[in-house]
Protein backbone atom coordinates (compact mmCIF):
# COMPACT_ATOMS: atom_id res chain seq x y z
CA MET A 1 -0.10 0.17 0.01
CA ALA A 2 1.25 3.68 -1.13
CA LYS A 3 2.56 5.66 2.32
CA ASP A 4 0.19 8.66 2.81
CA LYS A 5 2.25 11.50 1.26
CA ASN A 6 1.24 13.43 4.28
CA PHE A 7 2.80 11.10 6.74
CA VAL A 8 6.18 12.63 8.18
CA LEU A 9 8.95 10.91 9.79
CA TYR A 10 10.52 13.63 11.59
CA LYS A 11 13.63 11.81 12.43
CA ASP A 12 14.23 10.92 8.83
CA ILE A 13 13.95 14.44 7.85
CA LYS A 14 16.15 16.07 10.58
CA ALA A 15 18.87 13.34 9.51
CA LYS A 16 18.80 13.90 5.82
CA ILE A 17 18.05 17.82 5.21
CA THR A 18 20.30 20.06 6.39
CA MET A 19 20.20 23.90 6.82
CA GLU A 20 22.92 24.19 4.04
CA MET A 21 20.19 22.76 1.57
CA LEU A 22 17.38 24.65 2.97
CA LEU A 23 19.32 28.26 2.71
CA LYS A 24 20.44 27.29 -0.86
CA HIS A 25 16.70 26.48 -1.49
CA TYR A 26 15.62 29.67 -0.48
CA GLY A 27 18.50 31.52 -2.28
CA LEU A 28 19.65 32.78 0.97
CA PHE A 29 23.26 30.89 1.63
CA ASP A 30 25.17 33.31 -0.45
CA LYS A 31 24.00 36.29 1.38
CA LEU A 32 25.27 34.96 4.79
CA ARG A 33 28.72 35.47 6.12
CA PRO A 34 31.05 33.22 7.73
CA THR A 35 31.65 34.41 11.45
CA GLY A 36 33.76 31.58 13.29
CA ASN A 37 32.05 28.23 12.91
CA ASN A 38 28.38 30.05 12.15
CA LEU A 39 27.12 31.69 9.25
CA THR A 40 25.37 35.18 9.96
CA GLY A 41 23.29 37.83 8.31
CA CYS A 42 19.99 39.67 8.39
CA CYS A 43 16.92 37.17 9.62
CA PRO A 44 14.95 36.58 6.58
CA ILE A 45 11.85 35.49 8.74
CA HIS A 46 11.06 38.66 9.93
CA GLY A 47 12.93 40.60 7.46
CA GLY A 48 15.45 42.05 9.62
CA SER A 49 18.16 44.67 8.38
CA ASN A 50 20.86 43.93 11.25
CA PRO A 51 23.51 41.61 9.72
CA ARG A 52 24.42 40.14 13.12
CA GLN A 53 21.04 39.11 14.41
CA PHE A 54 20.49 35.71 12.44
CA SER A 55 22.96 33.02 12.73
CA VAL A 56 23.15 29.20 11.40
CA SER A 57 25.38 26.53 12.57
CA LEU A 58 26.12 24.07 9.76
CA ALA A 59 27.56 21.80 12.20
CA ARG A 60 24.72 21.60 14.53
CA ASN A 61 22.23 22.05 11.90
CA VAL A 62 20.26 24.82 13.79
CA PHE A 63 19.47 28.38 13.47
CA ASN A 64 18.83 31.40 15.63
CA CYS A 65 17.53 34.86 15.39
CA PHE A 66 18.27 37.25 18.09
CA GLY A 67 16.12 39.90 16.75
CA ASP A 68 12.35 40.66 17.12
CA CYS A 69 11.19 37.26 15.92
CA LYS A 70 13.43 35.29 18.54
CA ALA A 71 13.18 32.11 16.32
CA GLY A 72 15.39 29.20 16.46
CA GLY A 73 15.53 25.54 16.06
CA ASN A 74 16.13 22.86 13.27
CA VAL A 75 15.24 22.76 9.70
CA LEU A 76 11.27 22.12 10.51
CA ASP A 77 11.29 25.08 12.72
CA PHE A 78 12.97 27.27 10.03
CA VAL A 79 10.28 26.01 7.30
CA ALA A 80 7.41 26.49 9.71
CA LYS A 81 8.49 30.04 10.75
CA MET A 82 9.27 31.20 6.83
CA GLU A 83 5.87 29.84 5.76
CA GLY A 84 3.85 30.48 8.62
CA VAL A 85 2.53 26.85 8.90
CA SER A 86 2.54 24.09 11.42
CA ILE A 87 5.60 21.98 12.10
CA HIS A 88 3.66 18.95 10.52
CA LYS A 89 2.96 21.14 7.40
CA ALA A 90 6.63 22.15 7.43
CA GLY A 91 7.75 18.34 7.15
CA VAL A 92 5.20 17.88 4.43
CA LEU A 93 6.96 20.72 2.42
CA LEU A 94 10.38 19.55 3.20
CA LYS A 95 9.60 16.24 2.00
CA GLU A 96 8.00 17.26 -1.13
CA TRP A 97 11.13 19.51 -1.84
CA PHE A 98 13.99 17.22 -0.92
CA LEU A 99 12.62 13.69 -0.44
CA ASN A 100 11.19 11.29 -3.29
CA ASP A 101 10.14 8.58 -0.90
CA PHE A 102 6.28 8.77 -2.13
CA SER A 103 6.75 10.26 -5.72
CA GLU A 104 8.37 7.27 -7.32
CA GLY A 105 8.36 4.43 -4.60
CA LYS A 106 11.91 5.20 -3.68
CA ARG A 107 12.73 5.86 -0.06
CA GLY A 108 15.63 8.31 1.12
CA ASN A 109 16.38 9.62 -2.13
CA ILE A 110 17.80 13.26 -1.88
CA SER A 111 18.30 15.22 -5.06
CA SER A 112 21.53 16.96 -5.46
CA GLU A 113 19.60 20.35 -6.06
CA PRO A 114 16.91 21.42 -4.15
CA LYS A 115 13.39 21.20 -6.19
CA LYS A 116 12.07 24.45 -7.37
CA LEU A 117 8.35 25.36 -6.22
CA VAL A 118 5.92 24.37 -8.71
CA ARG A 119 2.98 27.07 -9.01
CA LYS A 120 -0.56 26.00 -9.07
CA GLU A 121 -2.47 27.55 -11.86
CA ASN A 122 -4.97 30.17 -11.43
CA LYS A 123 -4.97 29.87 -7.56
CA GLY A 124 -2.18 32.58 -6.47
CA VAL A 125 -0.38 30.08 -4.57
CA ARG A 126 3.17 27.64 -5.00
CA ALA A 127 2.97 24.22 -4.15
CA GLY A 128 2.20 23.97 -0.55
CA ILE A 129 2.46 27.76 0.22
CA GLU A 130 -0.31 30.07 0.68
CA ASP A 131 -0.24 33.66 -0.36
CA ASN A 132 -0.10 36.45 2.28
CA LYS A 133 -3.58 36.80 3.65
CA PRO A 134 -5.63 40.17 3.15
CA LEU A 135 -5.52 42.01 6.71
CA GLU A 136 -8.90 42.49 8.52
CA PHE A 137 -8.02 45.65 9.79
CA GLN A 138 -6.41 49.23 9.05
CA LEU A 139 -4.04 51.13 11.04
CA LYS A 140 -5.81 54.43 12.02
CA SER A 141 -4.27 57.79 13.36
CA LEU A 142 -1.05 57.60 11.58
CA GLN A 143 0.98 60.70 12.01
CA ALA A 144 1.55 61.96 8.20
CA ASP A 145 3.34 64.97 9.08
CA HIS A 146 6.17 63.48 10.93
CA ALA A 147 9.96 64.83 10.49
CA PHE A 148 11.01 61.74 8.79
CA PHE A 149 9.19 62.57 5.62
CA LYS A 150 10.36 66.18 5.41
CA GLU A 151 13.90 65.28 6.32
CA ARG A 152 13.98 63.03 3.03
CA GLY A 153 12.24 65.38 0.79
CA ILE A 154 9.00 63.28 0.75
CA ASP A 155 5.98 65.78 -0.13
CA PRO A 156 2.79 65.46 1.87
CA ALA A 157 0.89 64.70 -1.38
CA THR A 158 3.15 61.67 -1.81
CA VAL A 159 2.70 60.55 2.03
CA GLN A 160 -1.10 60.58 1.46
CA ALA A 161 -1.06 58.83 -1.89
CA PHE A 162 0.89 55.86 -0.28
CA GLY A 163 -1.12 55.89 2.86
CA LEU A 164 1.92 56.48 5.02
CA GLY A 165 2.39 57.66 8.50
CA TYR A 166 4.26 57.41 12.02
CA CYS A 167 2.67 54.94 14.42
CA LEU A 168 2.01 55.69 17.66
CA LYS A 169 0.70 52.11 19.15
CA GLY A 170 1.01 48.47 18.37
CA MET A 171 3.92 46.27 16.97
CA LEU A 172 4.85 49.22 14.73
CA LYS A 173 5.05 51.97 17.65
CA GLY A 174 7.78 54.45 16.80
CA PHE A 175 8.49 53.19 13.27
CA ILE A 176 6.90 54.78 9.88
CA ALA A 177 4.08 52.50 8.90
CA ILE A 178 4.17 51.44 5.13
CA PRO A 179 0.79 49.68 3.75
CA ILE A 180 1.73 46.69 1.29
CA HIS A 181 -1.15 45.58 -1.19
CA ASN A 182 -0.82 42.50 -3.30
CA GLU A 183 -1.46 42.52 -6.96
CA LYS A 184 -5.42 42.45 -6.37
CA SER A 185 -5.13 45.63 -4.28
CA GLU A 186 -5.83 43.86 -0.81
CA LEU A 187 -3.90 45.16 1.91
CA VAL A 188 -1.81 42.30 2.94
CA ALA A 189 0.79 44.05 5.62
CA TYR A 190 2.27 47.04 7.36
CA CYS A 191 6.20 47.11 7.06
CA GLY A 192 7.67 49.43 9.52
CA ARG A 193 10.49 51.69 8.78
CA ALA A 194 12.70 52.78 11.59
CA VAL A 195 13.28 56.61 12.19
CA THR A 196 16.00 56.97 14.30
CA PRO A 197 19.83 55.90 14.37
CA GLU A 198 19.38 53.69 17.32
CA GLN A 199 16.47 52.09 15.63
CA ILE A 200 18.42 51.41 12.64
CA GLU A 201 21.33 49.81 14.42
CA ILE A 202 18.84 47.28 15.51
CA GLU A 203 16.46 46.65 12.87
CA LYS A 204 15.94 49.13 9.89
CA TYR A 205 12.69 47.37 8.58
CA LYS A 206 9.86 45.64 10.77
CA GLN A 207 7.84 43.03 9.08
CA PRO A 208 5.08 40.76 10.33
CA PRO A 209 6.46 37.34 11.08
CA ASN A 210 4.05 35.69 8.44
CA PHE A 211 4.48 38.16 5.75
CA LYS A 212 6.32 36.73 2.75
CA LYS A 213 7.65 39.83 0.62
CA SER A 214 8.93 37.73 -2.08
CA LEU A 215 5.31 37.35 -3.03
CA VAL A 216 4.41 40.74 -3.66
CA VAL A 217 6.01 43.65 -5.84
CA TYR A 218 5.46 47.04 -3.97
CA ASN A 219 3.07 49.70 -5.99
CA PHE A 220 2.48 47.00 -8.26
CA ASN A 221 -1.22 47.11 -7.51
CA ARG A 222 -1.34 50.99 -8.51
CA GLN A 223 -0.17 50.24 -12.28
CA ASP A 224 -2.31 51.10 -15.19
CA PRO A 225 -3.13 47.61 -16.67
CA PHE A 226 -1.86 48.69 -19.90
CA GLU A 227 1.45 49.97 -18.97
CA LYS A 228 4.26 48.33 -20.77
CA VAL A 229 7.21 49.85 -19.10
CA PHE A 230 8.01 49.54 -15.55
CA ILE A 231 10.87 51.04 -13.57
CA LEU A 232 12.25 48.50 -11.09
CA VAL A 233 13.89 49.61 -8.03
CA GLU A 234 14.89 47.91 -4.56
CA SER A 235 13.20 50.39 -1.87
CA PHE A 236 10.00 51.74 -0.59
CA ILE A 237 11.52 55.36 -0.70
CA SER A 238 12.84 55.03 -4.33
CA VAL A 239 9.26 54.43 -5.06
CA TRP A 240 8.00 57.38 -3.32
CA TRP A 241 10.95 59.76 -4.84
CA LEU A 242 10.49 58.80 -8.27
CA HIS A 243 6.58 58.67 -7.98
CA GLN A 244 6.80 62.53 -6.72
CA ALA A 245 9.12 63.20 -9.90
CA GLY A 246 6.31 62.32 -12.19
CA LEU A 247 7.01 58.50 -12.78
CA LYS A 248 4.27 56.79 -11.70
CA ASN A 249 5.11 53.44 -13.34
CA VAL A 250 7.59 52.40 -10.57
CA VAL A 251 7.80 49.19 -8.46
CA ALA A 252 9.94 47.78 -6.05
CA LEU A 253 11.41 44.33 -4.96
CA MET A 254 11.62 45.50 -1.42
CA GLY A 255 15.18 44.28 -1.01
CA SER A 256 17.87 43.40 -3.64
CA SER A 257 16.71 39.80 -4.94
CA LEU A 258 14.11 39.05 -7.30
CA SER A 259 11.77 36.26 -6.52
CA ASP A 260 10.27 33.73 -8.86
CA ARG A 261 6.79 35.12 -7.99
CA GLN A 262 7.86 38.63 -8.47
CA GLU A 263 9.19 37.66 -11.75
CA GLU A 264 6.18 36.14 -12.79
CA LEU A 265 4.04 39.10 -11.94
CA ILE A 266 6.30 41.67 -13.73
CA VAL A 267 6.49 39.63 -16.90
CA LYS A 268 2.69 38.64 -17.06
CA ALA A 269 1.68 42.17 -16.58
CA LEU A 270 3.95 43.53 -19.33
CA GLY A 271 3.79 40.94 -21.72
CA PRO A 272 6.35 40.01 -24.39
CA SER A 273 6.52 43.39 -25.67
CA GLY A 274 6.97 45.00 -22.26
CA GLN A 275 10.20 46.82 -21.10
CA VAL A 276 11.64 46.83 -17.64
CA ILE A 277 14.18 49.63 -16.63
CA LEU A 278 16.25 48.48 -13.64
CA LEU A 279 17.55 51.46 -11.43
CA PHE A 280 18.98 49.80 -8.46
CA ASP A 281 21.42 51.06 -5.86
CA GLY A 282 24.94 51.49 -7.03
CA ASP A 283 26.29 48.92 -4.38
CA GLU A 284 27.38 45.43 -4.72
CA ASP A 285 24.05 43.93 -3.90
CA GLY A 286 22.49 46.33 -6.41
CA GLN A 287 25.09 45.25 -9.22
CA LYS A 288 24.22 41.72 -8.06
CA CYS A 289 20.53 41.84 -8.29
CA THR A 290 20.89 44.02 -11.64
CA ALA A 291 22.87 41.16 -13.37
CA ASP A 292 20.16 38.49 -11.99
CA CYS A 293 17.22 40.35 -13.30
CA LEU A 294 19.15 41.09 -16.70
CA ALA A 295 19.80 37.17 -16.87
CA ARG A 296 16.22 36.30 -15.96
CA LEU A 297 13.84 38.92 -16.79
CA GLY A 298 15.96 39.70 -20.21
CA LYS A 299 14.79 36.20 -21.51
CA GLN A 300 11.07 37.33 -21.61
CA VAL A 301 10.91 41.06 -22.00
CA PHE A 302 13.09 44.03 -22.96
CA VAL A 303 15.38 44.97 -20.15
CA LYS A 304 17.65 48.00 -19.71
CA ALA A 305 20.10 48.85 -16.71
CA LEU A 306 20.78 52.21 -15.54
CA ASP A 307 24.17 52.95 -13.71
CA ILE A 308 23.31 55.74 -11.07
CA SER A 309 26.87 55.47 -9.72
CA PRO A 310 28.04 58.76 -11.43
CA TYR A 311 25.25 60.72 -9.88
CA ALA A 312 24.54 58.89 -6.35
CA ARG A 313 24.41 55.61 -4.47
CA LYS A 314 20.47 55.34 -4.27
CA PRO A 315 17.81 56.43 -6.67
CA HIS A 316 16.13 58.54 -4.04
CA GLN A 317 19.41 60.67 -3.69
CA LEU A 318 18.91 61.68 -7.54
CA THR A 319 18.02 65.15 -8.39
CA PRO A 320 15.08 65.60 -10.86
CA ASP A 321 17.31 66.57 -13.36
CA GLN A 322 19.60 63.39 -12.87
CA ILE A 323 16.18 61.33 -13.08
CA LYS A 324 15.20 62.94 -16.06
CA GLU A 325 18.73 62.53 -17.76
CA LEU A 326 18.64 58.74 -16.77
CA ILE A 327 15.28 57.79 -17.71
CA HIS A 328 14.31 59.86 -20.58
């Protein structure tokens, strides 16, 4: 009798699947840096920005976050936190991704490369991974006239257009609250942006623990359905800055990596005759992301990469004249 595919032998999973395999599966392995016997970096679970708060011991096959989410444990715990699912569901996913003990009657056969996630057609989900659920609330009484915006040249009209504001209570108390919508214009999360140097040192961005930013392209929901050119940037503030400079067709990855889902959303919206203009930061991460997007998006749409390094380090540091010179 065939074994139930939902049957999970936890001991087997922990013995055969390593944190290294899992980090490579998520595209995180090369983003972590060796520190002694461990790998360290920003926490991918809660979207942290402190490069010292997330630690992985490959020898012990465990991880720990010393930031807000305080997560830790083995491969099962990591997947449960990353996907916002139970330990059992995490075990099922791990078995599907790495073990073929129920697909072809083989037991303990581990592929040399992690399996890519397969999307289910027309359901807005990837295999075993649910989309971000729409929120059942909206934050009220956000302070739209906070000094954060004035100091960075963000106009009141832009603040209002994106629903931004300083949060006075709750999980994002003391942070700028940034509403994030999916491609259906459903509100799925609020991301917090630190406002003080002390906050930035600990955590520049604060995200809900179950929010998967890799499934969302920021500002995608505001795009004209007939738009054929997207300006692709990394950060929220670059979107706001270019928006108030008159460029409404700007969207962001919310980081320096392009996920499969983000690639799918962009290509499907533009169609084969579409164009993507890459306007990433001038640092090493921005250069790597540029190369990745050129290789992947360039196979499906026309892609043009712009070099901002002669003018600034980040798009939101460009003057209106420099933006005009680069884009037009």
